[in-house]
Amino acid sequence: MTERTCGECYRCCIAFGIPELTKYQDQTCRHLDGRNPTARCSIYANCPTCCQSYQCLWREGFFNDEDRPDKSGVIAHFSPLDSGRIELDLTIEERDKDVAATINRIHEWVADKPFHQIMYRRIGSNVAMIQTRDGEIASYSYVADVETGIRFIERLS
């Protein structure tokens, strides 16, 4: 497994909230600067802790080259749950993307991994779907919270 560089991808700089910068999810970070193609963040050397510690699974060497988030429309990372279990989070941007192939490859990869659940979240939507290891699927409405990222409001199904 080979660690990759972001290259032209900066999807995480838009999709996720950054508490230290009071940046909500699905907002472009004010420090995102397109002038430098290898380090798009203008504060990269001193970026917030959550940015430094973020682990994009594609960057970590998982999945295929075409699964890079800006190409595939899918961002994948791990999140610890309060129970100590691990969740796989998939943030999906469908604009001009065929996300099905990437999601299928991720499902194949995750089949033998010790994840408790997968959370699917569409960029620009306030509904998330959670699929547990035993196959239970539920949808929830949520609001973006700068401190916690997502605060669930109610179960929809």
C-alpha atoms as a PDB file:
ATOM      1  CA  MET A   1       0.000   0.000   0.000  1.00  0.00           C
ATOM      2  CA  THR A   2       1.435   3.359  -1.075  1.00  0.00           C
ATOM      3  CA  GLU A   3       0.598   6.675   0.522  1.00  0.00           C
ATOM      4  CA  ARG A   4      -0.493   9.233  -2.047  1.00  0.00           C
ATOM      5  CA  THR A   5      -0.436  13.007  -2.219  1.00  0.00           C
ATOM      6  CA  CYS A   6      -3.546  15.139  -2.634  1.00  0.00           C
ATOM      7  CA  GLY A   7      -2.443  16.485  -6.005  1.00  0.00           C
ATOM      8  CA  GLU A   8      -5.282  18.599  -7.376  1.00  0.00           C
ATOM      9  CA  CYS A   9      -7.816  17.229  -4.869  1.00  0.00           C
ATOM     10  CA  TYR A  10      -9.032  19.530  -2.104  1.00  0.00           C
ATOM     11  CA  ARG A  11     -12.506  18.047  -1.465  1.00  0.00           C
ATOM     12  CA  CYS A  12     -11.905  17.711   2.289  1.00  0.00           C
ATOM     13  CA  CYS A  13     -11.291  21.494   2.430  1.00  0.00           C
ATOM     14  CA  ILE A  14     -14.904  21.982   1.368  1.00  0.00           C
ATOM     15  CA  ALA A  15     -16.810  18.963   2.703  1.00  0.00           C
ATOM     16  CA  PHE A  16     -15.859  19.018   6.384  1.00  0.00           C
ATOM     17  CA  GLY A  17     -16.240  21.505   9.184  1.00  0.00           C
ATOM     18  CA  ILE A  18     -13.145  22.949  10.858  1.00  0.00           C
ATOM     19  CA  PRO A  19     -13.941  24.063  14.420  1.00  0.00           C
ATOM     20  CA  GLU A  20     -10.696  26.022  14.853  1.00  0.00           C
ATOM     21  CA  LEU A  21     -11.647  28.167  11.846  1.00  0.00           C
ATOM     22  CA  THR A  22     -15.400  28.290  12.613  1.00  0.00           C
ATOM     23  CA  LYS A  23     -15.909  26.667   9.201  1.00  0.00           C
ATOM     24  CA  TYR A  24     -19.073  24.632   8.676  1.00  0.00           C
ATOM     25  CA  GLN A  25     -19.291  21.560   6.471  1.00  0.00           C
ATOM     26  CA  ASP A  26     -19.989  22.083   2.770  1.00  0.00           C
ATOM     27  CA  GLN A  27     -18.404  25.556   2.845  1.00  0.00           C
ATOM     28  CA  THR A  28     -15.185  26.337   1.006  1.00  0.00           C
ATOM     29  CA  CYS A  29     -12.399  27.036   3.485  1.00  0.00           C
ATOM     30  CA  ARG A  30     -11.311  30.673   3.350  1.00  0.00           C
ATOM     31  CA  HIS A  31      -7.665  29.494   3.329  1.00  0.00           C
ATOM     32  CA  LEU A  32      -8.083  27.413   0.178  1.00  0.00           C
ATOM     33  CA  ASP A  33      -5.831  29.048  -2.400  1.00  0.00           C
ATOM     34  CA  GLY A  34      -5.635  27.786  -5.973  1.00  0.00           C
ATOM     35  CA  ARG A  35      -2.396  29.574  -6.799  1.00  0.00           C
ATOM     36  CA  ASN A  36      -0.145  26.755  -5.559  1.00  0.00           C
ATOM     37  CA  PRO A  37      -1.164  23.427  -7.160  1.00  0.00           C
ATOM     38  CA  THR A  38       0.842  21.282  -4.699  1.00  0.00           C
ATOM     39  CA  ALA A  39      -0.280  22.946  -1.439  1.00  0.00           C
ATOM     40  CA  ARG A  40      -3.648  24.593  -1.969  1.00  0.00           C
ATOM     41  CA  CYS A  41      -3.933  25.666   1.665  1.00  0.00           C
ATOM     42  CA  SER A  42      -2.472  29.114   2.314  1.00  0.00           C
ATOM     43  CA  ILE A  43      -1.860  28.179   5.985  1.00  0.00           C
ATOM     44  CA  TYR A  44      -0.708  24.588   5.311  1.00  0.00           C
ATOM     45  CA  ALA A  45       2.448  24.882   7.451  1.00  0.00           C
ATOM     46  CA  ASN A  46       0.319  26.021  10.427  1.00  0.00           C
ATOM     47  CA  CYS A  47      -3.064  24.500   9.595  1.00  0.00           C
ATOM     48  CA  PRO A  48      -5.476  23.438  12.370  1.00  0.00           C
ATOM     49  CA  THR A  49      -4.957  20.156  14.205  1.00  0.00           C
ATOM     50  CA  CYS A  50      -8.046  18.567  12.661  1.00  0.00           C
ATOM     51  CA  CYS A  51      -6.637  19.245   9.183  1.00  0.00           C
ATOM     52  CA  GLN A  52      -3.205  17.873  10.109  1.00  0.00           C
ATOM     53  CA  SER A  53      -4.670  14.681  11.570  1.00  0.00           C
ATOM     54  CA  TYR A  54      -7.322  14.042   8.885  1.00  0.00           C
ATOM     55  CA  GLN A  55      -6.802  10.674   7.209  1.00  0.00           C
ATOM     56  CA  CYS A  56      -8.334  10.355   3.761  1.00  0.00           C
ATOM     57  CA  LEU A  57      -8.414   6.626   3.017  1.00  0.00           C
ATOM     58  CA  TRP A  58      -7.583   7.239  -0.637  1.00  0.00           C
ATOM     59  CA  ARG A  59      -4.488   9.220   0.387  1.00  0.00           C
ATOM     60  CA  GLU A  60      -3.535   6.429   2.773  1.00  0.00           C
ATOM     61  CA  GLY A  61      -3.248   4.132  -0.248  1.00  0.00           C
ATOM     62  CA  PHE A  62      -6.612   2.382  -0.230  1.00  0.00           C
ATOM     63  CA  PHE A  63      -8.834   1.997  -3.308  1.00  0.00           C
ATOM     64  CA  ASN A  64      -7.984   2.642  -6.964  1.00  0.00           C
ATOM     65  CA  ASP A  65      -6.370   5.720  -8.491  1.00  0.00           C
ATOM     66  CA  GLU A  66      -9.687   6.742 -10.074  1.00  0.00           C
ATOM     67  CA  ASP A  67     -11.275   6.732  -6.590  1.00  0.00           C
ATOM     68  CA  ARG A  68      -9.465   9.960  -5.660  1.00  0.00           C
ATOM     69  CA  PRO A  69     -12.229  12.102  -4.077  1.00  0.00           C
ATOM     70  CA  ASP A  70     -12.228  14.877  -6.667  1.00  0.00           C
ATOM     71  CA  LYS A  71     -12.455  12.313  -9.488  1.00  0.00           C
ATOM     72  CA  SER A  72     -14.907   9.849  -7.921  1.00  0.00           C
ATOM     73  CA  GLY A  73     -17.139  12.149  -5.878  1.00  0.00           C
ATOM     74  CA  VAL A  74     -16.612  10.019  -2.731  1.00  0.00           C
ATOM     75  CA  ILE A  75     -14.511  10.927   0.324  1.00  0.00           C
ATOM     76  CA  ALA A  76     -13.858   8.050   2.754  1.00  0.00           C
ATOM     77  CA  HIS A  77     -12.410   8.161   6.273  1.00  0.00           C
ATOM     78  CA  PHE A  78     -12.693   6.460   9.666  1.00  0.00           C
ATOM     79  CA  SER A  79     -14.461   7.989  12.670  1.00  0.00           C
ATOM     80  CA  PRO A  80     -14.404   6.672  16.228  1.00  0.00           C
ATOM     81  CA  LEU A  81     -17.809   6.258  17.851  1.00  0.00           C
ATOM     82  CA  ASP A  82     -18.547   7.009  21.508  1.00  0.00           C
ATOM     83  CA  SER A  83     -18.865   3.235  22.061  1.00  0.00           C
ATOM     84  CA  GLY A  84     -15.234   2.763  21.026  1.00  0.00           C
ATOM     85  CA  ARG A  85     -16.268   1.128  17.761  1.00  0.00           C
ATOM     86  CA  ILE A  86     -15.259   2.425  14.351  1.00  0.00           C
ATOM     87  CA  GLU A  87     -17.474   3.967  11.690  1.00  0.00           C
ATOM     88  CA  LEU A  88     -16.608   4.314   8.017  1.00  0.00           C
ATOM     89  CA  ASP A  89     -17.806   7.707   6.787  1.00  0.00           C
ATOM     90  CA  LEU A  90     -18.550   8.244   3.112  1.00  0.00           C
ATOM     91  CA  THR A  91     -19.198  11.813   2.015  1.00  0.00           C
ATOM     92  CA  ILE A  92     -20.712  11.849  -1.449  1.00  0.00           C
ATOM     93  CA  GLU A  93     -20.761  14.604  -4.043  1.00  0.00           C
ATOM     94  CA  GLU A  94     -22.686  13.451  -7.076  1.00  0.00           C
ATOM     95  CA  ARG A  95     -22.303  16.447  -9.379  1.00  0.00           C
ATOM     96  CA  ASP A  96     -21.096  15.085 -12.719  1.00  0.00           C
ATOM     97  CA  LYS A  97     -19.818  11.922 -11.013  1.00  0.00           C
ATOM     98  CA  ASP A  98     -20.711   8.249 -11.272  1.00  0.00           C
ATOM     99  CA  VAL A  99     -20.186   7.347  -7.618  1.00  0.00           C
ATOM    100  CA  ALA A 100     -21.594   3.799  -7.860  1.00  0.00           C
ATOM    101  CA  ALA A 101     -18.349   2.139  -9.005  1.00  0.00           C
ATOM    102  CA  THR A 102     -16.337   3.729  -6.198  1.00  0.00           C
ATOM    103  CA  ILE A 103     -18.958   2.883  -3.563  1.00  0.00           C
ATOM    104  CA  ASN A 104     -19.041  -0.734  -4.801  1.00  0.00           C
ATOM    105  CA  ARG A 105     -15.230  -1.008  -4.498  1.00  0.00           C
ATOM    106  CA  ILE A 106     -15.400   0.473  -0.991  1.00  0.00           C
ATOM    107  CA  HIS A 107     -18.126  -2.020  -0.021  1.00  0.00           C
ATOM    108  CA  GLU A 108     -15.950  -4.905  -1.254  1.00  0.00           C
ATOM    109  CA  TRP A 109     -12.973  -3.558   0.686  1.00  0.00           C
ATOM    110  CA  VAL A 110     -14.924  -3.019   3.920  1.00  0.00           C
ATOM    111  CA  ALA A 111     -16.593  -6.473   3.886  1.00  0.00           C
ATOM    112  CA  ASP A 112     -13.925  -8.110   6.070  1.00  0.00           C
ATOM    113  CA  LYS A 113     -12.977  -5.037   8.135  1.00  0.00           C
ATOM    114  CA  PRO A 114     -14.123  -4.526  11.759  1.00  0.00           C
ATOM    115  CA  PHE A 115     -16.407  -1.547  11.131  1.00  0.00           C
ATOM    116  CA  HIS A 116     -19.543  -1.221  13.220  1.00  0.00           C
ATOM    117  CA  GLN A 117     -21.378   0.887  10.651  1.00  0.00           C
ATOM    118  CA  ILE A 118     -21.115   3.013   7.534  1.00  0.00           C
ATOM    119  CA  MET A 119     -22.472   6.548   7.410  1.00  0.00           C
ATOM    120  CA  TYR A 120     -23.372   8.024   4.023  1.00  0.00           C
ATOM    121  CA  ARG A 121     -23.730  11.796   3.740  1.00  0.00           C
ATOM    122  CA  ARG A 122     -24.441  13.750   0.570  1.00  0.00           C
ATOM    123  CA  ILE A 123     -22.803  17.152   0.213  1.00  0.00           C
ATOM    124  CA  GLY A 124     -25.491  19.829   0.331  1.00  0.00           C
ATOM    125  CA  SER A 125     -28.047  17.613   2.078  1.00  0.00           C
ATOM    126  CA  ASN A 126     -29.100  17.478   5.716  1.00  0.00           C
ATOM    127  CA  VAL A 127     -29.948  13.773   5.642  1.00  0.00           C
ATOM    128  CA  ALA A 128     -27.495  10.997   6.508  1.00  0.00           C
ATOM    129  CA  MET A 129     -28.003   7.265   6.140  1.00  0.00           C
ATOM    130  CA  ILE A 130     -26.408   4.813   8.541  1.00  0.00           C
ATOM    131  CA  GLN A 131     -25.985   1.131   7.694  1.00  0.00           C
ATOM    132  CA  THR A 132     -24.960  -1.164  10.554  1.00  0.00           C
ATOM    133  CA  ARG A 133     -22.873  -4.322  10.208  1.00  0.00           C
ATOM    134  CA  ASP A 134     -26.013  -6.454  10.643  1.00  0.00           C
ATOM    135  CA  GLY A 135     -27.664  -4.685   7.680  1.00  0.00           C
ATOM    136  CA  GLU A 136     -30.007  -2.300   9.507  1.00  0.00           C
ATOM    137  CA  ILE A 137     -30.397   0.954   7.582  1.00  0.00           C
ATOM    138  CA  ALA A 138     -31.773   4.185   9.006  1.00  0.00           C
ATOM    139  CA  SER A 139     -31.956   7.754   7.748  1.00  0.00           C
ATOM    140  CA  TYR A 140     -31.559  10.787  10.004  1.00  0.00           C
ATOM    141  CA  SER A 141     -31.966  14.500   9.543  1.00  0.00           C
ATOM    142  CA  TYR A 142     -29.171  16.597  10.990  1.00  0.00           C
ATOM    143  CA  VAL A 143     -27.828  20.083  11.302  1.00  0.00           C
ATOM    144  CA  ALA A 144     -24.228  21.082  10.759  1.00  0.00           C
ATOM    145  CA  ASP A 145     -22.522  21.879  14.051  1.00  0.00           C
ATOM    146  CA  VAL A 146     -19.161  23.611  13.964  1.00  0.00           C
ATOM    147  CA  GLU A 147     -17.969  21.768  17.105  1.00  0.00           C
ATOM    148  CA  THR A 148     -19.193  18.222  16.428  1.00  0.00           C
ATOM    149  CA  GLY A 149     -19.676  18.295  12.664  1.00  0.00           C
ATOM    150  CA  ILE A 150     -23.152  16.749  12.690  1.00  0.00           C
ATOM    151  CA  ARG A 151     -25.917  16.913  15.286  1.00  0.00           C
ATOM    152  CA  PHE A 152     -28.711  14.467  14.537  1.00  0.00           C
ATOM    153  CA  ILE A 153     -32.220  15.871  14.880  1.00  0.00           C
ATOM    154  CA  GLU A 154     -34.560  12.949  14.192  1.00  0.00           C
ATOM    155  CA  ARG A 155     -34.735   9.485  12.709  1.00  0.00           C
ATOM    156  CA  LEU A 156     -36.577   9.548   9.384  1.00  0.00           C
ATOM    157  CA  SER A 157     -36.767   5.817   8.680  1.00  0.00           C
END
